Protein backbone atom coordinates (compact mmCIF):
# COMPACT_ATOMS: atom_id res chain seq x y z
CA MET A 1 198.60 204.19 134.89
CA PRO A 2 197.30 204.58 138.48
CA GLN A 3 199.60 203.22 141.17
CA PRO A 4 197.06 200.59 142.45
CA ILE A 5 196.86 199.07 138.98
CA ARG A 6 200.66 199.08 138.67
CA GLU A 7 200.83 197.14 141.92
CA ALA A 8 198.10 194.76 140.68
CA VAL A 9 200.08 194.07 137.52
CA SER A 10 203.13 193.29 139.64
CA ILE A 11 201.06 190.85 141.72
CA CYS A 12 199.81 189.16 138.53
CA LYS A 13 203.37 188.73 137.27
CA THR A 14 204.39 187.10 140.56
CA ILE A 15 201.51 184.67 140.28
CA MET A 16 202.30 183.87 136.65
CA ARG A 17 205.98 183.27 137.40
CA ASN A 18 204.80 180.54 139.76
CA GLY A 19 202.90 178.68 137.04
CA TYR A 20 199.39 180.13 137.36
CA ASP A 21 197.27 182.53 135.32
CA ALA A 22 196.32 185.98 136.54
CA TYR A 23 195.16 189.27 135.06
CA VAL A 24 193.61 192.55 136.11
CA ILE A 25 189.89 192.41 135.32
CA ASN A 26 189.05 195.02 132.70
CA ALA A 27 191.97 197.33 133.53
CA ALA A 28 190.54 200.18 131.44
CA LEU A 29 187.23 200.13 133.29
CA GLN A 30 188.92 199.84 136.68
CA ARG A 31 191.12 202.82 135.86
CA LYS A 32 187.96 204.87 135.25
CA ILE A 33 186.40 203.59 138.48
CA LEU A 34 189.55 204.48 140.47
CA GLY A 35 189.38 208.01 139.11
CA ASN A 36 185.83 208.46 140.39
CA SER A 37 186.05 206.54 143.68
CA LYS A 38 187.69 207.16 147.01
CA GLU A 39 188.27 203.41 147.46
CA ALA A 40 191.60 202.19 146.03
CA GLU A 41 190.40 198.65 145.17
CA VAL A 42 191.69 196.59 142.24
CA GLU A 43 190.16 193.27 141.19
CA ILE A 44 192.21 190.39 139.84
CA CYS A 45 191.17 187.08 138.25
CA THR A 46 193.41 184.03 138.84
CA ASP A 47 193.30 180.23 138.91
CA ILE A 48 195.47 179.94 142.02
CA ASP A 49 193.64 178.87 145.19
CA PHE A 50 193.83 180.59 148.58
CA THR A 51 196.52 178.26 149.94
CA GLY A 52 198.81 178.98 147.00
CA LEU A 53 198.07 182.69 147.22
CA LYS A 54 198.86 182.71 150.92
CA ALA A 55 202.24 181.08 150.24
CA LEU A 56 203.15 183.88 147.81
CA PHE A 57 201.57 186.73 149.75
CA PRO A 58 201.53 186.16 153.54
CA ASP A 59 199.20 189.17 153.99
CA ALA A 60 196.41 187.41 152.06
CA VAL A 61 193.19 186.76 154.00
CA PRO A 62 190.15 184.73 152.91
CA GLY A 63 187.72 186.62 150.72
CA GLY A 64 183.99 186.80 151.04
CA GLY A 65 181.19 186.04 148.62
CA GLU A 66 182.60 185.40 145.17
CA THR A 67 186.18 186.39 146.01
CA VAL A 68 188.93 183.89 146.81
CA ALA A 69 191.12 186.23 148.84
CA ARG A 70 191.85 189.79 149.80
CA ILE A 71 195.22 191.54 150.18
CA GLN A 72 195.84 195.02 151.59
CA GLN A 73 199.13 196.68 150.71
CA GLY A 74 199.69 200.27 151.69
CA GLY A 75 196.59 202.17 150.79
CA SER A 76 195.34 199.69 148.17
CA VAL A 77 193.13 196.60 148.46
CA PHE A 78 193.33 193.74 145.96
CA LEU A 79 190.41 191.37 145.51
CA PHE A 80 190.96 187.95 143.87
CA TYR A 81 188.30 186.11 141.86
CA PRO A 82 188.42 182.50 140.57
CA ALA A 83 189.22 182.07 136.87
CA ASP A 84 187.45 178.83 136.03
CA MET A 85 185.72 179.44 132.71
CA ALA A 86 185.23 176.14 130.87
CA ASP A 87 187.08 175.35 127.66
CA ALA A 88 183.68 175.14 125.98
CA SER A 89 182.92 178.84 126.32
CA HIS A 90 182.76 181.31 123.46
CA PRO A 91 186.23 182.89 122.98
CA GLU A 92 184.93 186.34 123.89
CA ALA A 93 183.39 185.03 127.11
CA CYS A 94 186.44 183.33 128.59
CA VAL A 95 187.87 186.55 130.07
CA ALA A 96 186.10 188.20 133.02
CA GLN A 97 185.06 191.75 132.20
CA ILE A 98 183.14 192.91 135.25
CA THR A 99 182.31 191.88 138.82
CA ALA A 100 179.46 192.56 141.20
CA ASN A 101 181.71 194.95 143.16
CA MET A 102 182.50 196.90 140.01
CA LEU A 103 178.80 197.05 139.13
CA ARG A 104 177.98 198.55 142.52
CA LYS A 105 180.52 201.30 141.95
CA LEU A 106 179.29 201.96 138.41
CA GLU A 107 175.75 202.44 139.69
CA LYS A 108 176.99 205.53 141.50
CA ASP A 109 178.62 206.88 138.33
CA ASP A 110 176.02 208.45 136.02
CA SER A 111 178.66 209.11 133.33
CA PHE A 112 179.06 205.41 132.54
CA PRO A 113 176.01 203.38 131.33
CA ILE A 114 176.08 200.03 133.11
CA HIS A 115 174.48 198.22 130.17
CA LEU A 116 177.68 198.79 128.17
CA ALA A 117 179.65 196.53 130.53
CA CYS A 118 179.96 192.79 129.92
CA PRO A 119 177.58 190.96 132.30
CA TYR A 120 180.00 188.17 133.16
CA ILE A 121 180.84 187.83 136.85
CA PRO A 122 183.41 185.16 137.84
CA ARG A 123 181.99 182.33 139.92
CA SER A 124 182.91 178.83 140.98
CA ARG A 125 182.02 175.92 138.70
CA ASP A 126 178.89 173.91 139.41
CA VAL A 127 177.32 171.20 137.24
CA TYR A 128 173.98 173.00 137.56
CA ASP A 129 175.51 176.43 137.02
CA GLY A 130 173.50 178.30 134.38
CA PHE A 131 170.33 176.25 134.95
CA GLU A 132 167.13 177.06 136.76
CA ASN A 133 166.06 174.66 139.52
CA ILE A 134 164.61 171.52 137.91
CA ALA A 135 161.91 171.52 140.56
CA GLY A 136 160.10 173.76 138.08
CA GLY A 137 159.43 170.68 135.95
CA GLN A 138 161.59 171.61 132.97
CA ILE A 139 165.20 172.11 131.93
CA LYS A 140 165.74 175.85 131.60
CA PHE A 141 168.77 178.11 131.29
CA GLN A 142 169.07 181.02 133.70
CA GLY A 143 168.78 184.56 132.39
CA ILE A 144 168.94 185.10 128.65
CA PRO A 145 169.42 181.56 127.21
CA ASP A 146 171.70 182.61 124.33
CA GLU A 147 173.98 184.56 126.68
CA THR A 148 174.03 181.79 129.29
CA LEU A 149 174.94 179.26 126.61
CA LYS A 150 177.58 181.55 125.17
CA HIS A 151 179.62 181.37 128.37
CA ASP A 152 179.78 177.57 128.25
CA TYR A 153 178.48 175.68 125.22
CA LEU A 154 178.89 172.42 127.10
CA ARG A 155 175.66 173.45 128.84
CA ALA A 156 173.84 172.47 125.63
CA ILE A 157 174.98 168.86 125.95
CA ARG A 158 174.34 168.96 129.68
CA ALA A 159 170.78 170.18 129.06
CA LEU A 160 170.17 167.20 126.77
CA ARG A 161 171.57 164.86 129.43
CA PHE A 162 169.39 166.36 132.16
CA SER A 163 166.33 166.13 129.92
CA ALA A 164 167.00 162.47 129.08
CA ASN A 165 167.90 161.30 132.58
CA TYR A 166 165.25 163.27 134.47
CA HIS A 167 162.50 162.77 131.86
CA LEU A 168 161.87 166.51 131.74
CA PRO A 169 161.19 168.72 128.70
CA ILE A 170 163.56 171.51 127.73
CA GLU A 171 161.99 174.96 128.04
CA GLU A 172 161.14 176.39 124.60
CA ASN A 173 163.50 179.38 124.60
CA SER A 174 166.34 177.28 126.00
CA TRP A 175 165.69 174.68 123.30
CA MET A 176 165.78 177.29 120.54
CA SER A 177 169.06 178.65 121.88
CA ILE A 178 170.55 175.13 121.72
CA ILE A 179 169.46 174.73 118.11
CA ARG A 180 170.85 178.14 117.19
CA ALA A 181 174.15 177.26 118.85
CA SER A 182 174.43 173.69 117.49
CA ARG A 183 177.33 174.59 115.20
CA ARG A 184 179.15 176.51 117.92
CA VAL A 185 178.74 173.60 120.33
CA LEU A 186 180.83 171.50 117.97
CA ASP A 187 183.27 174.38 117.40
CA TYR A 188 184.05 175.03 121.06
CA VAL A 189 183.22 171.87 123.04
CA SER A 190 185.83 169.12 122.92
CA VAL A 191 184.88 165.55 121.98
CA THR A 192 186.20 164.43 125.36
CA ASP A 193 183.82 166.77 127.21
CA ILE A 194 180.86 165.66 125.12
CA MET A 195 181.64 162.00 125.79
CA ASP A 196 182.07 162.71 129.52
CA GLU A 197 178.48 163.98 129.52
CA TRP A 198 177.29 161.10 127.32
CA ARG A 199 178.72 158.51 129.71
CA LYS A 200 176.52 159.96 132.47
CA VAL A 201 173.38 159.15 130.50
CA GLU A 202 171.72 156.01 131.86
CA ALA A 203 171.40 153.12 129.41
CA GLU A 204 167.60 153.19 129.73
CA ASN A 205 167.57 156.85 128.66
CA MET A 206 170.21 156.77 125.96
CA TRP A 207 167.65 156.47 123.17
CA ARG A 208 166.14 159.76 124.29
CA PHE A 209 169.55 161.42 124.53
CA ALA A 210 170.34 160.27 120.96
CA GLU A 211 166.97 161.60 119.80
CA LEU A 212 167.69 164.99 121.39
CA LEU A 213 171.14 165.09 119.78
CA PHE A 214 169.42 164.54 116.45
CA ASN A 215 166.56 167.01 116.99
CA SER A 216 168.99 169.71 118.12
CA MET A 217 171.05 169.18 114.93
CA ILE A 218 174.17 168.49 116.99
CA ILE A 219 174.56 164.90 115.84
CA HIS A 220 174.53 166.05 112.21
CA GLY A 221 177.98 167.55 112.67
CA PHE A 222 179.12 165.24 115.46
CA ILE A 223 178.27 161.83 113.93
CA PRO A 224 176.93 162.54 110.41
CA GLU A 225 176.96 158.81 109.58
CA LEU A 226 174.11 158.32 112.06
CA ALA A 227 172.20 161.45 111.07
CA ALA A 228 172.17 160.21 107.47
CA LEU A 229 170.18 157.13 108.56
CA SER A 230 167.13 159.40 108.82
CA ARG A 231 167.13 159.52 105.00
CA ILE A 232 167.45 155.74 104.52
CA PHE A 233 164.10 153.93 104.53
CA GLN A 234 163.26 150.28 104.98
CA VAL A 235 160.13 148.20 105.53
CA PHE A 236 160.54 146.74 109.00
CA ASN A 237 156.83 145.96 109.37
CA GLU A 238 154.56 145.32 106.38
CA GLU A 239 151.58 146.82 108.20
CA VAL A 240 153.42 150.08 108.89
CA GLY A 241 155.31 150.47 105.62
CA PRO A 242 158.69 152.19 105.07
CA GLU A 243 160.34 153.69 108.14
CA SER A 244 163.64 155.48 108.50
CA VAL A 245 166.53 153.38 109.73
CA TRP A 246 167.21 156.11 112.31
CA SER A 247 163.71 155.78 113.78
CA HIS A 248 164.13 152.00 113.97
CA THR A 249 167.53 152.43 115.64
CA LEU A 250 166.03 154.56 118.41
CA GLN A 251 163.37 151.92 119.05
CA VAL A 252 165.99 149.16 119.30
CA MET A 253 167.92 151.32 121.80
CA ARG A 254 164.72 151.85 123.76
CA HIS A 255 163.90 148.14 124.06
CA TYR A 256 167.40 146.74 124.67
CA PRO A 257 167.74 147.74 128.37
CA GLU A 258 164.39 146.12 129.19
CA GLU A 259 166.18 142.77 129.54
CA LEU A 260 169.74 143.99 130.25
CA PRO A 261 169.34 147.14 132.35
CA TYR A 262 172.30 149.43 132.99
CA ASP A 263 174.19 147.98 129.99
CA TRP A 264 175.62 151.20 128.58
CA TYR A 265 177.89 149.52 126.02
CA GLY A 266 175.19 147.17 124.75
CA THR A 267 172.88 150.15 124.24
CA LEU A 268 175.67 152.02 122.47
CA ALA A 269 176.08 149.02 120.14
CA CYS A 270 172.36 149.26 119.35
CA LEU A 271 172.92 152.88 118.31
CA PHE A 272 175.51 151.79 115.75
CA HIS A 273 174.09 148.39 114.76
CA ALA A 274 172.52 149.67 111.53
CA CYS A 275 175.04 152.35 110.52
CA GLY A 276 176.40 150.05 107.79
CA LYS A 277 173.09 150.29 105.94
CA LEU A 278 174.09 153.75 104.75
CA TYR A 279 176.85 152.11 102.70
CA ALA A 280 175.29 148.70 101.96
CA GLY A 281 171.88 149.86 100.69
CA GLU A 282 171.04 148.76 97.15
CA GLN A 283 167.83 148.74 95.12
CA TYR A 284 167.08 145.53 93.22
CA GLY A 285 163.76 144.33 91.87
CA GLY A 286 161.88 147.10 93.61
CA LYS A 287 163.29 146.09 96.99
CA THR A 288 166.08 147.64 99.03
CA THR A 289 168.70 145.23 100.33
CA PHE A 290 171.44 145.79 102.87
CA TYR A 291 173.65 142.74 102.44
CA GLN A 292 176.68 142.59 104.73
CA HIS A 293 175.64 145.77 106.53
CA HIS A 294 176.78 144.21 109.80
CA ARG A 295 180.37 143.79 108.62
CA ILE A 296 180.45 147.20 106.96
CA GLY A 297 178.85 148.68 110.07
CA ALA A 298 181.56 147.26 112.32
CA LYS A 299 184.23 148.97 110.24
CA VAL A 300 182.35 152.28 110.20
CA THR A 301 181.71 152.01 113.95
CA ARG A 302 185.41 151.53 114.62
CA LYS A 303 186.20 154.71 112.70
CA ILE A 304 183.52 156.69 114.56
CA LEU A 305 184.39 155.43 118.04
CA LYS A 306 188.06 156.24 117.54
CA ARG A 307 186.95 159.73 116.57
CA LEU A 308 184.94 159.86 119.79
CA ARG A 309 188.08 158.81 121.70
CA LEU A 310 186.80 155.65 123.31
CA ASN A 311 189.61 153.39 124.46
CA THR A 312 190.67 150.32 122.49
CA GLU A 313 188.82 147.79 124.65
CA GLU A 314 185.58 149.76 124.40
CA VAL A 315 185.92 150.09 120.63
CA ASP A 316 186.62 146.36 120.21
CA LEU A 317 183.61 145.42 122.34
CA VAL A 318 181.10 147.63 120.51
CA CYS A 319 182.45 146.67 117.07
CA HIS A 320 182.21 142.97 118.01
CA LEU A 321 178.54 143.42 118.92
CA VAL A 322 177.78 145.33 115.72
CA ARG A 323 179.55 142.76 113.56
CA ASN A 324 177.70 139.78 115.08
CA HIS A 325 174.32 141.28 115.91
CA ILE A 326 172.44 139.40 113.14
CA ARG A 327 173.77 135.94 114.12
CA PHE A 328 170.69 135.22 116.24
CA PHE A 329 168.22 136.41 113.60
CA PHE A 330 168.20 133.08 111.71
CA MET A 331 167.19 129.57 112.80
CA LEU A 332 170.45 128.03 113.89
CA THR A 333 171.41 124.38 113.66
CA ASP A 334 173.14 122.54 116.49
CA LYS A 335 176.46 123.42 114.96
CA GLY A 336 175.38 127.01 114.39
CA ILE A 337 174.20 127.48 117.98
CA ARG A 338 177.50 126.11 119.27
CA ARG A 339 179.43 128.58 117.14
CA PHE A 340 177.15 131.35 118.38
CA LYS A 341 177.57 130.42 122.02
CA ALA A 342 181.33 130.46 121.58
CA LEU A 343 181.17 134.19 120.77
CA ASP A 344 182.15 136.66 123.47
CA ASP A 345 179.22 138.53 125.03
CA TYR A 346 176.65 136.33 123.30
CA PRO A 347 173.94 137.24 125.89
CA ARG A 348 174.18 140.84 124.64
CA LEU A 349 173.74 139.61 121.05
CA ILE A 350 170.61 137.73 122.12
CA GLU A 351 169.15 140.88 123.64
CA MET A 352 170.03 142.94 120.57
CA ALA A 353 168.02 140.44 118.52
CA ARG A 354 165.13 140.56 120.99
CA ALA A 355 165.13 144.39 120.96
CA ASP A 356 165.09 144.39 117.16
CA ILE A 357 162.08 142.05 117.10
CA LYS A 358 160.24 144.33 119.54
CA ALA A 359 161.11 147.39 117.45
CA ARG A 360 159.71 145.68 114.33
CA ASN A 361 156.75 144.10 116.15
CA ALA A 362 157.79 140.88 114.42
CA ASN A 363 157.14 137.26 115.44
CA TYR A 364 159.50 135.29 117.64
CA ALA A 365 159.61 132.03 115.61
CA GLU A 366 163.33 132.10 114.84
CA PHE A 367 164.18 133.63 118.21
CA ASN A 368 162.27 131.00 120.20
CA HIS A 369 163.79 128.21 118.12
CA ASN A 370 167.28 129.47 118.89
CA MET A 371 166.54 129.86 122.59
CA LYS A 372 165.49 126.19 122.69
CA MET A 373 168.59 125.21 120.77
CA LEU A 374 170.71 126.98 123.38
CA GLU A 375 169.51 124.43 125.91
CA ARG A 376 171.07 121.69 123.76
CA ALA A 377 174.36 123.51 123.36
CA ASP A 378 175.75 122.06 126.59
CA ILE A 379 175.19 118.49 125.36
CA ARG A 380 178.19 116.89 123.67
CA GLU A 381 177.81 117.02 119.90
CA GLU A 382 178.10 113.25 119.51
CA LEU A 383 175.07 112.86 121.77
CA LEU A 384 172.76 114.99 119.68
CA GLU A 385 172.02 112.08 117.29
CA PRO A 386 171.38 108.43 118.29
CA LEU A 387 174.06 105.87 117.48
CA LEU A 388 171.60 104.02 115.23
CA ASN A 389 169.51 105.49 112.46
CA GLY A 390 165.91 104.54 111.67
CA LYS A 391 166.76 101.81 109.16
CA GLN A 392 169.23 100.18 111.52
CA ILE A 393 166.64 100.22 114.33
CA MET A 394 164.06 98.54 112.05
CA ASP A 395 166.55 95.86 110.99
CA ILE A 396 167.64 95.09 114.56
CA ALA A 397 164.12 95.13 116.03
CA GLY A 398 162.53 93.45 113.02
CA ILE A 399 159.77 96.03 112.80
CA LYS A 400 158.19 97.96 109.93
CA PRO A 401 158.22 101.74 109.46
CA GLY A 402 155.88 103.48 111.89
CA PRO A 403 155.61 105.45 115.15
CA ALA A 404 157.45 102.70 117.04
CA VAL A 405 160.68 103.55 115.22
CA GLY A 406 160.54 107.14 116.45
CA LEU A 407 159.81 106.04 120.01
CA ILE A 408 162.82 103.70 120.05
CA ARG A 409 165.03 106.37 118.48
CA ASP A 410 164.08 109.02 121.09
CA SER A 411 164.54 106.57 123.95
CA LEU A 412 167.94 105.53 122.59
CA LEU A 413 169.05 109.17 122.44
CA GLN A 414 167.92 109.74 126.04
CA ALA A 415 169.86 106.64 127.14
CA GLN A 416 172.98 108.01 125.40
CA ILE A 417 172.61 111.38 127.15
CA ALA A 418 172.16 109.63 130.49
CA GLY A 419 175.33 107.61 129.87
CA ASP A 420 173.56 104.20 129.82
CA VAL A 421 174.50 103.62 126.16
CA ASN A 422 178.07 104.34 125.04
CA SER A 423 178.71 102.16 121.95
CA ILE A 424 177.04 100.59 118.91
CA GLU A 425 176.84 97.24 120.72
CA ASP A 426 175.17 98.90 123.70
CA ALA A 427 172.73 100.55 121.31
CA LYS A 428 171.80 97.24 119.67
CA ARG A 429 171.16 95.60 123.03
CA PHE A 430 169.08 98.61 124.08
CA VAL A 431 166.86 98.35 120.97
CA ILE A 432 166.22 94.64 121.48
CA ALA A 433 165.47 95.12 125.18
CA TYR A 434 163.16 98.08 124.44
CA LYS A 435 161.21 96.00 121.89
CA GLU A 436 160.75 93.10 124.27
CA MET A 437 159.80 95.35 127.20
CA ASN A 438 157.17 97.21 125.15
CA GLN A 439 156.08 94.14 123.13
CA LEU A 440 156.50 95.93 119.80
């Protein structure tokens, strides 16, 4: 082993004894380069920064270009590169094999074909690393898409995020490389990293992100319970006919932020609101029913969100919305609207119902009724009905059935709400006075 490489190994061991990683980049190739070059340079990859390196080796000076530092000992020079490959890279791509400096030396050596060397060159991490400038109007990987993706499969998820948030298409070859790598994305990218990217998707664009996850086949292995909804069909609109539950889900997600913008958790609840239909679907009398899908869906959602490593409060919130999302779909009575308004986050439930109506292009009869009932929910329950019924009003006023009874009844209720009538006796006096005043 050449002396410069021996010294480089010793330097690596010193770094590693201090809790960092370090290795000689492609020692076999560097040995060949040293044999054919007058320059005694050895290149090292490490995750220690310059300050830490300076503390261990006082002779260290700042590097230039892609290098972190440079040390000269005796007749040898040691160049240090940053080792920051993401956890989501292909196993074979996580170790640096060649640098730009090594490539320059190899170009002068006709006995060694450069194309046989691994093209990876260590570089600092950047969220846009591996992507062409989006000013080009599309999301595109740099270089050969499959190779670029191979060095960090998280770039696939990041490409979907960029496409959704920036409303830009993914370049065709880059898109095909994502589809080809969909299985490897799930093999090498942690759930935590995927969710970190997902959280950066704006609520208004989450429907598009979910659609891209589906079209790229990533969601099929990531959340198969949702992917399966594409094979469950339901008639949401008689004029349109059967549609997949997955397609309907995307439309609900699309409409929800129109009234509650920036509500990431509410939009996430829309994504899972129909997942229970996969388990609740049943054919009866030529019609598919999904009874109790909301309760089943809440249980399934809890299992999925725990798998996605959301915290307990986040899981509880989304499951609560899924479990109660159909409450506002039916015409509620006074008692029903009070129970609904007592629910946590009921404004989100209202908007989930509104988004569902928009997605189905349905009428707003039940929805409008409930919105009007909400205005009465602040009135004390005992004030929602007059103290006297129609028969009692007719007996007290001495009148026959007719429109006058309804007029007196409505006026009596208004007097109760205003606080002018507080007892049966007050109500009787009010009826008599109303009759005399209006000469009924």
